[in-house]
N, C-alpha and C. Protein backbone atom coordinates (compact mmCIF):
# COMPACT_ATOMS: atom_id res chain seq x y z
N MET A 1 54.26 -66.45 43.75
CA MET A 1 53.04 -66.33 42.71
C MET A 1 52.08 -66.20 42.90
N HIS A 2 51.39 -66.15 43.96
CA HIS A 2 49.94 -65.36 44.13
C HIS A 2 49.73 -64.37 43.55
N ARG A 3 51.44 -63.25 43.56
CA ARG A 3 51.31 -62.20 43.44
C ARG A 3 51.17 -61.67 42.02
N ARG A 4 51.69 -63.08 41.33
CA ARG A 4 51.80 -63.08 39.94
C ARG A 4 50.52 -62.62 39.11
N LYS A 5 50.02 -63.78 39.66
CA LYS A 5 48.64 -64.34 38.99
C LYS A 5 47.41 -63.56 39.84
N LEU A 6 47.52 -63.01 40.50
CA LEU A 6 47.16 -61.24 40.67
C LEU A 6 47.43 -60.42 40.06
N MET A 7 48.84 -60.26 39.32
CA MET A 7 48.66 -59.12 39.02
C MET A 7 48.41 -58.77 37.33
N ALA A 8 48.62 -60.89 36.59
CA ALA A 8 47.84 -60.97 35.68
C ALA A 8 46.20 -60.88 35.28
N ALA A 9 46.14 -61.33 36.87
CA ALA A 9 44.44 -60.95 36.64
C ALA A 9 44.24 -59.59 36.47
N PHE A 10 44.25 -58.49 37.44
CA PHE A 10 44.51 -57.05 37.05
C PHE A 10 44.52 -56.95 35.62
N SER A 11 45.48 -56.87 35.12
CA SER A 11 46.10 -56.91 33.54
C SER A 11 45.30 -56.95 33.07
N VAL A 12 44.43 -57.94 32.84
CA VAL A 12 43.68 -58.59 31.97
C VAL A 12 42.31 -57.17 31.87
N ILE A 13 42.11 -57.26 33.31
CA ILE A 13 40.42 -56.61 33.48
C ILE A 13 40.99 -55.30 32.59
N LEU A 14 42.12 -54.93 32.86
CA LEU A 14 42.59 -53.50 32.92
C LEU A 14 42.73 -53.39 31.49
N PHE A 15 42.94 -54.25 30.84
CA PHE A 15 43.05 -54.12 29.08
C PHE A 15 41.27 -54.32 28.60
N ALA A 16 40.78 -54.87 29.26
CA ALA A 16 39.26 -55.06 28.77
C ALA A 16 38.17 -53.87 28.92
N LEU A 17 38.93 -53.06 30.49
CA LEU A 17 38.10 -52.14 30.36
C LEU A 17 38.59 -50.65 29.95
N LEU A 18 40.20 -50.55 28.66
CA LEU A 18 40.44 -49.78 28.38
C LEU A 18 39.87 -50.46 27.08
N ALA A 19 40.04 -51.39 25.84
CA ALA A 19 39.51 -51.47 25.04
C ALA A 19 37.81 -51.61 24.93
N GLN A 20 37.37 -51.73 26.28
CA GLN A 20 35.94 -50.63 25.93
C GLN A 20 35.97 -49.26 26.02
N VAL A 21 36.07 -48.63 26.46
CA VAL A 21 36.44 -47.56 26.42
C VAL A 21 37.16 -46.64 25.17
N ALA A 22 37.86 -47.58 25.00
CA ALA A 22 38.18 -47.28 23.25
C ALA A 22 36.95 -47.45 22.32
N LEU A 23 36.18 -48.44 22.23
CA LEU A 23 34.91 -48.90 21.87
C LEU A 23 34.10 -47.49 21.76
N VAL A 24 33.56 -46.47 23.03
CA VAL A 24 32.57 -46.28 23.12
C VAL A 24 32.74 -44.60 22.77
N TRP A 25 34.45 -44.78 23.35
CA TRP A 25 34.42 -43.32 22.95
C TRP A 25 35.16 -42.79 21.55
N GLY A 26 36.39 -43.99 20.78
CA GLY A 26 36.53 -43.88 19.64
C GLY A 26 36.01 -43.85 17.98
N ASP A 27 35.16 -44.91 18.14
CA ASP A 27 34.29 -44.91 17.23
C ASP A 27 32.65 -44.49 16.94
N GLY A 28 32.34 -44.06 18.37
CA GLY A 28 30.95 -43.87 18.51
C GLY A 28 30.26 -45.12 19.02
N GLU A 29 30.48 -46.63 18.40
CA GLU A 29 29.88 -47.22 19.23
C GLU A 29 29.47 -46.91 20.75
N GLY A 30 28.21 -47.20 20.99
CA GLY A 30 27.80 -47.27 21.84
C GLY A 30 26.70 -45.99 23.06
N LYS A 31 27.68 -45.14 22.00
CA LYS A 31 27.21 -43.52 22.39
C LYS A 31 25.25 -43.30 21.31
N LEU A 32 25.01 -42.41 21.58
CA LEU A 32 23.89 -41.94 21.14
C LEU A 32 24.37 -40.67 20.31
N VAL A 33 23.64 -41.02 18.74
CA VAL A 33 24.18 -39.76 18.22
C VAL A 33 22.52 -39.67 16.77
N ARG A 34 22.64 -38.10 17.16
CA ARG A 34 20.84 -38.01 16.73
C ARG A 34 20.96 -36.67 16.09
N GLY A 35 20.30 -36.00 15.40
CA GLY A 35 19.99 -34.94 14.81
C GLY A 35 18.53 -34.93 14.15
N ALA A 36 17.91 -34.07 13.86
CA ALA A 36 16.53 -33.29 12.63
C ALA A 36 17.35 -32.15 12.37
N GLY A 37 16.30 -31.86 11.00
CA GLY A 37 15.25 -30.19 11.50
C GLY A 37 15.94 -29.66 9.69
N THR A 38 15.83 -29.09 9.64
CA THR A 38 15.46 -28.29 8.49
C THR A 38 17.17 -27.43 8.55
N THR A 39 17.74 -27.27 7.24
CA THR A 39 18.79 -26.68 6.74
C THR A 39 18.46 -25.63 5.78
N ILE A 40 19.44 -24.85 5.33
CA ILE A 40 19.76 -24.06 3.97
C ILE A 40 21.01 -24.34 3.59
N VAL A 41 20.96 -25.01 1.66
CA VAL A 41 22.21 -25.60 1.54
C VAL A 41 23.36 -24.10 1.14
N THR A 42 24.35 -24.09 1.49
CA THR A 42 25.18 -22.67 1.38
C THR A 42 26.09 -23.08 0.77
N GLY A 43 25.89 -23.97 -0.02
CA GLY A 43 27.27 -24.16 -1.08
C GLY A 43 27.70 -25.09 -1.22
N GLY A 44 28.80 -25.61 -1.94
CA GLY A 44 29.58 -26.66 -2.02
C GLY A 44 29.74 -26.77 -3.41
N ILE A 45 29.96 -28.63 -3.59
CA ILE A 45 30.49 -28.61 -5.12
C ILE A 45 28.60 -29.62 -5.67
N GLY A 46 28.48 -28.79 -6.28
CA GLY A 46 27.25 -29.57 -6.97
C GLY A 46 26.10 -29.05 -6.87
N ALA A 47 26.45 -27.95 -5.91
CA ALA A 47 25.14 -27.84 -5.06
C ALA A 47 24.83 -26.16 -5.64
N PRO A 48 23.46 -26.28 -6.11
CA PRO A 48 23.23 -24.93 -7.14
C PRO A 48 23.36 -23.63 -6.13
N SER A 49 23.66 -22.68 -7.72
CA SER A 49 24.78 -21.86 -7.27
C SER A 49 23.63 -20.41 -6.93
N PHE A 50 21.99 -20.26 -7.64
CA PHE A 50 21.65 -19.20 -7.49
C PHE A 50 20.28 -20.02 -6.71
N ASP A 51 19.88 -20.53 -6.59
CA ASP A 51 18.83 -21.86 -6.63
C ASP A 51 18.37 -21.88 -4.59
N PRO A 52 17.70 -21.54 -4.41
CA PRO A 52 18.07 -21.95 -2.68
C PRO A 52 17.13 -23.29 -2.50
N VAL A 53 17.80 -23.79 -1.84
CA VAL A 53 17.50 -25.09 -1.60
C VAL A 53 17.27 -25.63 0.05
N LEU A 54 16.04 -25.60 0.27
CA LEU A 54 16.49 -26.17 1.78
C LEU A 54 16.51 -27.85 1.78
N THR A 55 16.80 -28.46 3.50
CA THR A 55 16.96 -29.98 3.36
C THR A 55 16.44 -29.98 4.76
N LYS A 56 15.84 -31.07 4.33
CA LYS A 56 14.90 -31.73 5.66
C LYS A 56 15.65 -32.60 6.27
N PHE A 57 16.61 -33.10 7.01
CA PHE A 57 16.97 -33.99 7.24
C PHE A 57 17.05 -34.83 8.65
N GLY A 58 16.83 -36.44 8.86
CA GLY A 58 17.38 -36.67 10.35
C GLY A 58 18.00 -38.15 10.57
N PHE A 59 18.43 -38.13 11.72
CA PHE A 59 19.51 -39.20 11.45
C PHE A 59 19.86 -39.83 13.51
N HIS A 60 20.09 -40.65 12.96
CA HIS A 60 20.63 -41.65 14.48
C HIS A 60 20.93 -42.76 14.16
N TRP A 61 22.11 -42.80 15.36
CA TRP A 61 22.80 -43.86 15.71
C TRP A 61 23.16 -44.45 17.17
N ARG A 62 22.61 -45.44 17.23
CA ARG A 62 22.85 -46.42 18.95
C ARG A 62 23.38 -47.12 18.76
N ASP A 63 24.33 -47.84 19.18
CA ASP A 63 24.97 -49.28 19.30
C ASP A 63 25.11 -49.88 17.79
N GLY A 64 25.70 -49.20 17.61
CA GLY A 64 26.22 -49.69 16.22
C GLY A 64 26.01 -49.95 15.58
N GLN A 65 24.36 -49.07 14.60
CA GLN A 65 23.10 -48.79 14.40
C GLN A 65 22.12 -47.90 13.28
N GLY A 66 22.06 -47.03 12.45
CA GLY A 66 21.86 -46.08 12.88
C GLY A 66 21.27 -45.87 11.32
N ARG A 67 20.56 -44.40 10.99
CA ARG A 67 19.92 -44.64 9.43
C ARG A 67 20.27 -43.20 9.52
N LEU A 68 20.43 -42.19 8.14
CA LEU A 68 20.11 -41.04 7.44
C LEU A 68 19.19 -41.11 6.38
N GLU A 69 17.96 -39.92 6.54
CA GLU A 69 17.36 -39.52 5.93
C GLU A 69 17.75 -37.70 5.60
N CYS A 70 17.48 -38.06 3.98
CA CYS A 70 17.60 -36.18 3.63
C CYS A 70 16.93 -35.85 2.32
N LEU A 71 15.72 -35.07 2.77
CA LEU A 71 15.27 -34.45 1.80
C LEU A 71 15.63 -32.88 1.34
N ALA A 72 16.09 -32.75 -0.36
CA ALA A 72 16.75 -31.65 -1.11
C ALA A 72 15.12 -31.66 -1.48
N LEU A 73 14.37 -29.87 -0.76
CA LEU A 73 13.50 -29.37 -1.53
C LEU A 73 14.36 -27.61 -2.09
N ALA A 74 13.88 -27.81 -3.30
CA ALA A 74 13.94 -26.23 -4.12
C ALA A 74 11.93 -25.72 -4.40
N PRO A 75 12.20 -24.42 -4.55
CA PRO A 75 11.31 -23.81 -5.42
C PRO A 75 10.50 -24.36 -7.15
N SER A 76 9.48 -24.32 -7.59
CA SER A 76 9.10 -24.82 -8.31
C SER A 76 9.37 -23.22 -9.73
N ALA A 77 9.13 -22.27 -8.69
CA ALA A 77 9.08 -21.15 -10.14
C ALA A 77 10.84 -20.34 -9.37
N PRO A 78 10.73 -19.52 -10.48
CA PRO A 78 11.92 -18.84 -10.66
C PRO A 78 12.24 -17.77 -9.82
N ALA A 79 13.13 -17.63 -9.15
CA ALA A 79 13.79 -16.47 -7.93
C ALA A 79 12.82 -15.25 -8.27
N GLY A 80 11.65 -14.63 -7.83
CA GLY A 80 11.36 -13.19 -7.63
C GLY A 80 9.81 -13.26 -8.86
N SER A 81 9.46 -14.42 -8.87
CA SER A 81 8.01 -14.72 -9.44
C SER A 81 7.59 -14.81 -7.96
N LEU A 82 5.60 -14.92 -8.63
CA LEU A 82 5.35 -15.50 -7.42
C LEU A 82 5.34 -17.32 -7.22
N GLY A 83 5.28 -17.46 -5.92
CA GLY A 83 5.80 -19.16 -5.52
C GLY A 83 6.78 -19.21 -5.32
N SER A 84 8.18 -17.98 -5.70
CA SER A 84 9.22 -18.25 -5.66
C SER A 84 9.52 -18.96 -4.13
N GLY A 85 9.27 -19.50 -3.02
CA GLY A 85 9.58 -19.03 -2.11
C GLY A 85 8.81 -20.75 -1.36
N ASN A 86 8.33 -21.22 -2.28
CA ASN A 86 7.63 -22.00 -1.73
C ASN A 86 9.10 -23.21 -2.30
N PHE A 87 8.74 -24.10 -1.11
CA PHE A 87 10.00 -25.45 -2.02
C PHE A 87 9.44 -26.36 -1.79
N ASP A 88 8.61 -26.58 -2.81
CA ASP A 88 7.63 -27.59 -3.10
C ASP A 88 7.87 -28.75 -3.77
N THR A 89 9.50 -28.21 -4.86
CA THR A 89 10.29 -29.89 -5.62
C THR A 89 11.22 -30.13 -4.86
N ASN A 90 10.62 -31.83 -5.52
CA ASN A 90 12.01 -33.23 -4.64
C ASN A 90 12.52 -33.15 -5.19
N VAL A 91 13.51 -32.35 -5.80
CA VAL A 91 15.52 -32.51 -6.27
C VAL A 91 16.29 -33.31 -5.65
N MET A 92 16.06 -34.13 -5.10
CA MET A 92 17.14 -35.02 -3.73
C MET A 92 16.76 -35.31 -2.87
N TYR A 93 16.47 -37.04 -2.86
CA TYR A 93 16.38 -38.08 -1.54
C TYR A 93 17.52 -39.20 -1.29
N VAL A 94 18.15 -38.89 0.07
CA VAL A 94 19.09 -40.06 0.36
C VAL A 94 18.51 -40.15 1.52
N THR A 95 18.36 -42.06 1.83
CA THR A 95 18.23 -42.66 2.70
C THR A 95 19.21 -44.31 2.30
N GLY A 96 19.73 -44.20 3.44
CA GLY A 96 20.49 -44.70 4.12
C GLY A 96 20.62 -45.48 5.25
N GLU A 97 21.89 -46.34 5.57
CA GLU A 97 22.07 -47.11 6.77
C GLU A 97 23.39 -46.38 7.05
N ILE A 98 23.73 -45.91 8.49
CA ILE A 98 24.70 -45.36 8.78
C ILE A 98 26.13 -46.76 9.08
N THR A 99 26.57 -46.88 8.77
CA THR A 99 27.58 -48.18 9.48
C THR A 99 28.82 -46.96 9.91
N SER A 100 28.97 -46.22 9.84
CA SER A 100 29.71 -46.21 11.41
C SER A 100 29.65 -44.59 11.75
N VAL A 101 30.61 -44.05 12.84
CA VAL A 101 30.35 -42.84 13.39
C VAL A 101 31.60 -42.42 13.88
N ALA A 102 32.41 -41.78 14.14
CA ALA A 102 33.42 -40.92 14.72
C ALA A 102 32.68 -39.42 15.21
N ILE A 103 33.71 -39.78 16.18
CA ILE A 103 33.45 -38.23 17.20
C ILE A 103 34.39 -37.87 17.59
N GLN A 104 35.27 -36.62 17.11
CA GLN A 104 36.04 -35.76 17.30
C GLN A 104 35.31 -34.50 17.92
N GLY A 105 35.80 -34.43 19.01
CA GLY A 105 35.44 -32.83 19.81
C GLY A 105 33.77 -32.53 19.39
N SER A 106 33.21 -31.07 19.06
CA SER A 106 32.23 -31.21 18.64
C SER A 106 31.79 -31.33 17.04
N SER A 107 32.28 -32.56 16.63
CA SER A 107 31.48 -32.86 15.49
C SER A 107 31.46 -34.59 15.38
N ALA A 108 30.79 -34.89 14.41
CA ALA A 108 30.50 -36.02 14.63
C ALA A 108 30.83 -36.34 12.94
N THR A 109 31.59 -37.26 12.76
CA THR A 109 31.41 -37.64 10.58
C THR A 109 30.63 -39.41 10.63
N LEU A 110 29.81 -39.18 10.05
CA LEU A 110 28.16 -40.16 9.41
C LEU A 110 28.76 -41.11 8.47
N LYS A 111 28.99 -42.53 8.15
CA LYS A 111 29.60 -43.13 7.30
C LYS A 111 28.45 -44.22 6.80
N GLY A 112 28.44 -44.32 5.63
CA GLY A 112 27.73 -45.25 5.35
C GLY A 112 26.96 -45.42 3.66
N LEU A 113 26.18 -45.90 3.59
CA LEU A 113 25.79 -46.44 2.34
C LEU A 113 24.27 -46.01 1.96
N ALA A 114 23.82 -45.49 1.21
CA ALA A 114 22.80 -44.64 0.58
C ALA A 114 21.64 -45.17 -0.57
N THR A 115 20.74 -44.93 -0.84
CA THR A 115 19.76 -44.62 -2.17
C THR A 115 20.12 -43.28 -2.02
N VAL A 116 19.78 -43.11 -3.44
CA VAL A 116 20.09 -41.51 -3.69
C VAL A 116 18.60 -41.92 -4.84
N THR A 117 17.76 -40.87 -5.22
CA THR A 117 16.93 -40.37 -5.64
C THR A 117 17.32 -39.02 -6.16
N GLY A 118 16.78 -38.48 -7.76
CA GLY A 118 16.87 -37.44 -8.09
C GLY A 118 19.09 -36.59 -8.09
N LEU A 119 18.75 -35.86 -8.42
CA LEU A 119 20.16 -35.93 -8.19
C LEU A 119 21.41 -36.06 -7.60
N GLY A 120 21.89 -37.22 -9.01
CA GLY A 120 23.37 -37.77 -8.14
C GLY A 120 22.74 -39.66 -7.54
N ALA A 121 21.87 -39.89 -8.61
CA ALA A 121 20.68 -40.70 -8.17
C ALA A 121 21.94 -42.18 -8.32
N GLY A 122 21.02 -43.31 -7.21
CA GLY A 122 21.91 -44.58 -7.63
C GLY A 122 21.30 -44.93 -6.28
N SER A 123 22.17 -46.66 -5.88
CA SER A 123 22.25 -46.95 -4.96
C SER A 123 23.35 -47.77 -4.80
N ASN A 124 23.17 -48.12 -2.99
CA ASN A 124 24.51 -48.40 -2.65
C ASN A 124 25.87 -47.64 -2.71
N LEU A 125 25.42 -46.23 -2.54
CA LEU A 125 26.45 -45.45 -2.75
C LEU A 125 26.92 -44.74 -1.77
N PRO A 126 28.15 -45.02 -1.42
CA PRO A 126 29.25 -44.48 -0.18
C PRO A 126 28.48 -42.60 0.37
N PHE A 127 28.35 -42.23 1.78
CA PHE A 127 28.29 -40.93 2.13
C PHE A 127 29.15 -40.64 3.09
N THR A 128 29.22 -39.85 3.40
CA THR A 128 29.36 -38.69 4.63
C THR A 128 28.58 -38.13 4.95
N ALA A 129 28.22 -37.67 6.50
CA ALA A 129 28.32 -36.74 7.08
C ALA A 129 28.73 -35.95 8.06
N VAL A 130 29.09 -34.29 7.93
CA VAL A 130 29.94 -34.22 9.04
C VAL A 130 28.70 -33.24 9.92
N ALA A 131 28.40 -33.97 11.00
CA ALA A 131 26.95 -32.90 11.79
C ALA A 131 28.48 -32.40 13.09
N GLU A 132 27.79 -31.03 13.23
CA GLU A 132 28.33 -30.12 14.47
C GLU A 132 27.44 -30.28 15.27
N ARG A 133 27.56 -30.55 16.79
CA ARG A 133 26.54 -30.22 17.52
C ARG A 133 25.97 -28.81 18.09
N GLY A 134 24.92 -28.59 17.84
CA GLY A 134 24.14 -27.73 18.15
C GLY A 134 22.96 -27.78 17.90
N GLY A 135 21.87 -26.35 18.42
CA GLY A 135 21.05 -25.87 17.27
C GLY A 135 20.95 -25.40 15.99
N PRO A 136 20.11 -24.14 15.82
CA PRO A 136 19.93 -23.30 14.83
C PRO A 136 21.89 -22.87 14.65
N GLY A 137 21.93 -22.92 13.56
CA GLY A 137 23.47 -22.58 13.38
C GLY A 137 24.89 -23.65 13.05
N ALA A 138 24.62 -24.57 13.48
CA ALA A 138 25.41 -25.88 13.63
C ALA A 138 25.58 -25.44 11.88
N ARG A 139 26.28 -26.73 11.62
CA ARG A 139 26.70 -26.84 10.38
C ARG A 139 26.52 -28.53 10.07
N PHE A 140 26.16 -29.17 8.76
CA PHE A 140 26.29 -29.90 8.14
C PHE A 140 26.43 -29.95 7.03
N VAL A 141 27.18 -31.21 6.75
CA VAL A 141 28.16 -31.40 5.50
C VAL A 141 27.85 -32.95 5.21
N LEU A 142 27.02 -33.33 4.44
CA LEU A 142 26.81 -33.87 3.30
C LEU A 142 27.77 -34.43 2.32
N THR A 143 28.17 -35.16 1.91
CA THR A 143 29.14 -35.65 0.58
C THR A 143 28.47 -37.24 0.31
N VAL A 144 27.38 -37.41 -0.80
CA VAL A 144 27.42 -38.29 -1.41
C VAL A 144 27.13 -38.35 -3.28
N SER A 145 27.34 -39.46 -3.91
CA SER A 145 27.48 -39.59 -5.61
C SER A 145 27.94 -38.29 -6.01
N GLY A 146 29.75 -38.33 -4.54
CA GLY A 146 30.40 -37.12 -5.87
C GLY A 146 29.80 -35.34 -5.74
N LEU A 147 28.65 -35.81 -4.95
CA LEU A 147 28.49 -33.80 -4.21
C LEU A 147 28.67 -33.68 -2.89
N THR A 148 29.23 -32.57 -2.91
CA THR A 148 29.23 -32.21 -1.40
C THR A 148 28.13 -30.93 -1.10
N PHE A 149 27.43 -30.57 -0.09
CA PHE A 149 26.15 -30.00 0.03
C PHE A 149 26.74 -29.48 1.72
N GLU A 150 26.92 -28.00 1.47
CA GLU A 150 27.18 -27.24 2.86
C GLU A 150 26.14 -26.84 3.20
N GLU A 151 25.90 -26.79 4.61
CA GLU A 151 24.64 -26.05 5.55
C GLU A 151 24.35 -25.84 6.52
N ILE A 152 23.40 -25.17 7.05
CA ILE A 152 23.82 -24.63 7.91
C ILE A 152 22.21 -24.43 8.94
N LEU A 153 22.28 -25.57 9.92
CA LEU A 153 21.00 -25.79 10.50
C LEU A 153 19.86 -24.09 10.61
N LEU A 154 18.83 -24.54 10.40
CA LEU A 154 17.96 -22.71 10.67
C LEU A 154 17.06 -23.57 11.80
N GLU A 155 16.86 -24.93 11.80
CA GLU A 155 15.61 -25.04 12.57
C GLU A 155 16.13 -27.08 13.40
N GLY A 156 15.84 -27.30 14.73
CA GLY A 156 16.55 -28.81 15.09
C GLY A 156 17.66 -28.81 15.88
N GLY A 157 18.52 -29.79 16.45
CA GLY A 157 19.36 -29.61 16.68
C GLY A 157 20.16 -31.33 16.56
N ILE A 158 21.36 -31.44 16.82
CA ILE A 158 22.45 -32.28 16.68
C ILE A 158 22.41 -32.90 17.94
N THR A 159 22.60 -34.03 18.60
CA THR A 159 23.01 -34.36 19.90
C THR A 159 23.97 -35.26 20.15
N PHE A 160 25.08 -35.68 20.78
CA PHE A 160 25.87 -36.66 21.07
C PHE A 160 26.87 -36.62 22.44
C-alpha cells in the first residue's frame, strides 16, 4: 500500500515536470525571444518590385508577453536621382502585441495582433513573423494585412 502511494506521488510529480518542460520548450512560454535591427526587403507578396525598402524592427517576448514594432522606409526620390539613397518616407508601420511564440530549430514563429498604418492599414490585424536566429544575413519574414515581406537582416540580431 505504501509503495502504491509512493509510485502515485512520483507519477504526479513526473507528469507535472513534463508539463512544465512542454510549456517552456513547446510554445516559447518562459523563454526569452528577442530581436532588433535593420533589414532590406528582398521580395514577397505585396512587396515593392523595384523600389528598395529598409525596415527597422524590434520584438521582445518573455513569460507569455511581448511586442513587435516594424517601420518600413523607402526613398522619396526615384532611383538614380539625387537623394534616391535616403530612406526618408514612412510607407508602413506595424505595432502590436505578440500572443504566442513557437520555436522550432533555429526559427521562432511569432503571432499576434497589430495596428498597421500606411500600406495595408488597419486595426487588430493578425500577423505572423518568422525570425531566424542570428545576426546579419538572418531571415525575417513578416506577414500582415494579406502582405508578406521577406527580409534579410543587415544590422542587429535575433536570439532565443
